[in-house]
Protein backbone atom coordinates (compact mmCIF):
# COMPACT_ATOMS: atom_id res chain seq x y z
CA MET A 1 -36.64 -95.81 40.03
CA HIS A 2 -33.34 -93.91 39.92
CA PHE A 3 -34.29 -92.34 36.58
CA LYS A 4 -37.63 -91.12 37.98
CA PHE A 5 -35.87 -89.57 40.97
CA ALA A 6 -33.33 -87.86 38.70
CA VAL A 7 -36.11 -86.36 36.58
CA ILE A 8 -37.93 -85.07 39.66
CA ALA A 9 -34.72 -83.64 41.14
CA ALA A 10 -33.83 -81.92 37.86
CA THR A 11 -37.32 -80.45 37.60
CA LEU A 12 -37.19 -79.07 41.13
CA ALA A 13 -33.72 -77.64 40.56
CA ALA A 14 -34.96 -75.81 37.48
CA PHE A 15 -37.52 -73.94 39.58
CA ALA A 16 -35.32 -73.24 42.61
CA PRO A 17 -33.65 -69.85 42.97
CA SER A 18 -30.09 -69.82 41.77
CA ALA A 19 -28.25 -68.08 44.57
CA PHE A 20 -24.68 -68.27 45.57
CA ALA A 21 -22.99 -67.77 48.89
CA ALA A 22 -21.83 -64.24 49.48
CA THR A 23 -18.48 -63.31 48.03
CA CYS A 24 -16.72 -61.24 50.67
CA TYR A 25 -14.52 -58.30 49.74
CA SER A 26 -10.80 -58.92 49.81
CA ALA A 27 -10.36 -55.73 51.87
CA SER A 28 -10.55 -55.91 55.64
CA GLY A 29 -9.43 -53.98 58.68
CA CYS A 30 -11.27 -50.71 58.12
CA LYS A 31 -11.98 -49.09 61.48
CA THR A 32 -14.83 -46.84 60.29
CA CYS A 33 -17.61 -49.41 59.99
CA GLU A 34 -21.19 -49.85 61.08
CA SER A 35 -21.87 -52.36 63.86
CA GLU A 36 -23.31 -55.76 63.02
CA SER A 37 -26.58 -54.74 64.69
CA SER A 38 -26.68 -51.58 62.59
CA MET A 39 -26.20 -53.66 59.44
CA TYR A 40 -29.25 -55.75 60.35
CA ASP A 41 -31.15 -52.46 60.79
CA ALA A 42 -29.93 -51.43 57.32
CA ARG A 43 -31.19 -54.78 56.01
CA GLN A 44 -34.63 -54.05 57.46
CA ALA A 45 -34.67 -50.53 56.01
CA PHE A 46 -33.53 -51.63 52.55
CA CYS A 47 -35.43 -54.89 52.11
CA GLY A 48 -38.42 -53.87 54.24
CA GLY A 49 -39.41 -51.17 51.76
CA SER A 50 -39.52 -51.36 47.99
CA ASP A 51 -35.78 -51.05 47.23
CA TRP A 52 -35.54 -54.79 46.50
CA GLN A 53 -37.83 -54.39 43.47
CA GLY A 54 -35.27 -52.63 41.25
CA THR A 55 -31.85 -51.06 40.93
CA SER A 56 -31.34 -48.81 43.95
CA SER A 57 -28.83 -47.69 46.54
CA MET A 58 -28.85 -46.54 50.13
CA SER A 59 -26.34 -44.95 52.49
CA TRP A 60 -26.54 -46.10 56.10
CA GLY A 61 -24.08 -44.25 58.34
CA ASP A 62 -20.66 -45.50 57.22
CA ALA A 63 -22.24 -48.28 55.14
CA GLN A 64 -23.37 -48.32 51.53
CA VAL A 65 -25.88 -50.71 49.93
CA ASN A 66 -26.21 -51.07 46.15
CA LEU A 67 -28.58 -53.31 44.23
CA GLN A 68 -28.33 -53.89 40.51
CA GLY A 69 -31.38 -55.67 39.09
CA SER A 70 -34.23 -57.00 41.21
CA PHE A 71 -35.18 -59.88 43.47
CA TYR A 72 -38.17 -62.14 42.80
CA SER A 73 -39.50 -61.53 46.31
CA GLN A 74 -38.85 -59.39 49.34
CA GLN A 75 -37.77 -62.49 51.30
CA GLU A 76 -35.00 -63.13 48.77
CA CYS A 77 -33.62 -59.66 49.53
CA PHE A 78 -33.74 -60.31 53.28
CA ASP A 79 -31.99 -63.66 52.80
CA GLY A 80 -29.28 -62.31 50.50
CA PHE A 81 -28.52 -59.36 52.79
CA ALA A 82 -28.36 -61.64 55.84
CA ASN A 83 -26.09 -63.99 53.90
CA ILE A 84 -23.59 -61.16 53.34
CA ILE A 85 -23.68 -60.10 57.00
CA SER A 86 -23.35 -63.62 58.41
CA GLN A 87 -20.53 -64.65 56.09
CA CYS A 88 -18.53 -61.43 55.83
CA TYR A 89 -19.10 -59.20 58.87
CA GLY A 90 -16.15 -59.25 61.26
CA HIS A 91 -13.89 -60.78 58.62
CA GLN A 92 -14.05 -58.46 55.59
CA ASP A 93 -15.37 -54.95 54.93
CA GLY A 94 -18.41 -56.11 52.96
CA GLY A 95 -19.61 -58.54 50.35
CA ILE A 96 -21.62 -59.24 47.23
CA TYR A 97 -24.58 -61.60 46.80
CA THR A 98 -25.58 -62.72 43.31
CA TYR A 99 -29.08 -64.05 42.66
CA SER A 100 -31.05 -65.34 39.68
CA TYR A 101 -34.59 -66.76 39.66
CA ASN A 102 -37.58 -66.71 37.35
CA GLY A 103 -36.29 -63.88 35.17
CA HIS A 104 -35.04 -61.82 38.11
CA ASP A 105 -31.31 -61.20 38.41
CA ALA A 106 -29.79 -59.28 41.29
CA ARG A 107 -26.36 -58.24 42.45
CA LEU A 108 -26.51 -56.97 46.03
CA ASP A 109 -23.34 -55.18 47.17
CA VAL A 110 -23.13 -54.31 50.88
CA ASP A 111 -20.16 -52.28 52.12
CA PHE A 112 -20.05 -52.16 55.93
CA CYS A 113 -17.36 -49.48 56.07
CA ASP A 114 -16.22 -46.09 54.81
CA CYS A 115 -12.47 -46.39 54.21
CA GLU A 116 -11.92 -44.52 50.98
């Protein structure tokens, strides 16, 4: 019984997206940043169109969004972007979300601020 469960669990894991929690930037304290609400608007603008389908970038006020690679689905883009906001906003100046599923690899880099 345990062996059968292990085989089923391993099979399901092989088909599940491989996504990691956002890695927040080490930098924090920039005062020239977009609001959290504005970052969710940026998420809608970026993931709501076709930018999630391939390498692209977008400026959003003081924020910058860069995607290397592509997501398997639009929802994966929405989830990854939200993951960065929820884990990093208010603590660090941005974050990176790494994703791999079904031949699609993505590195989403969201910078909330403009402190160059």
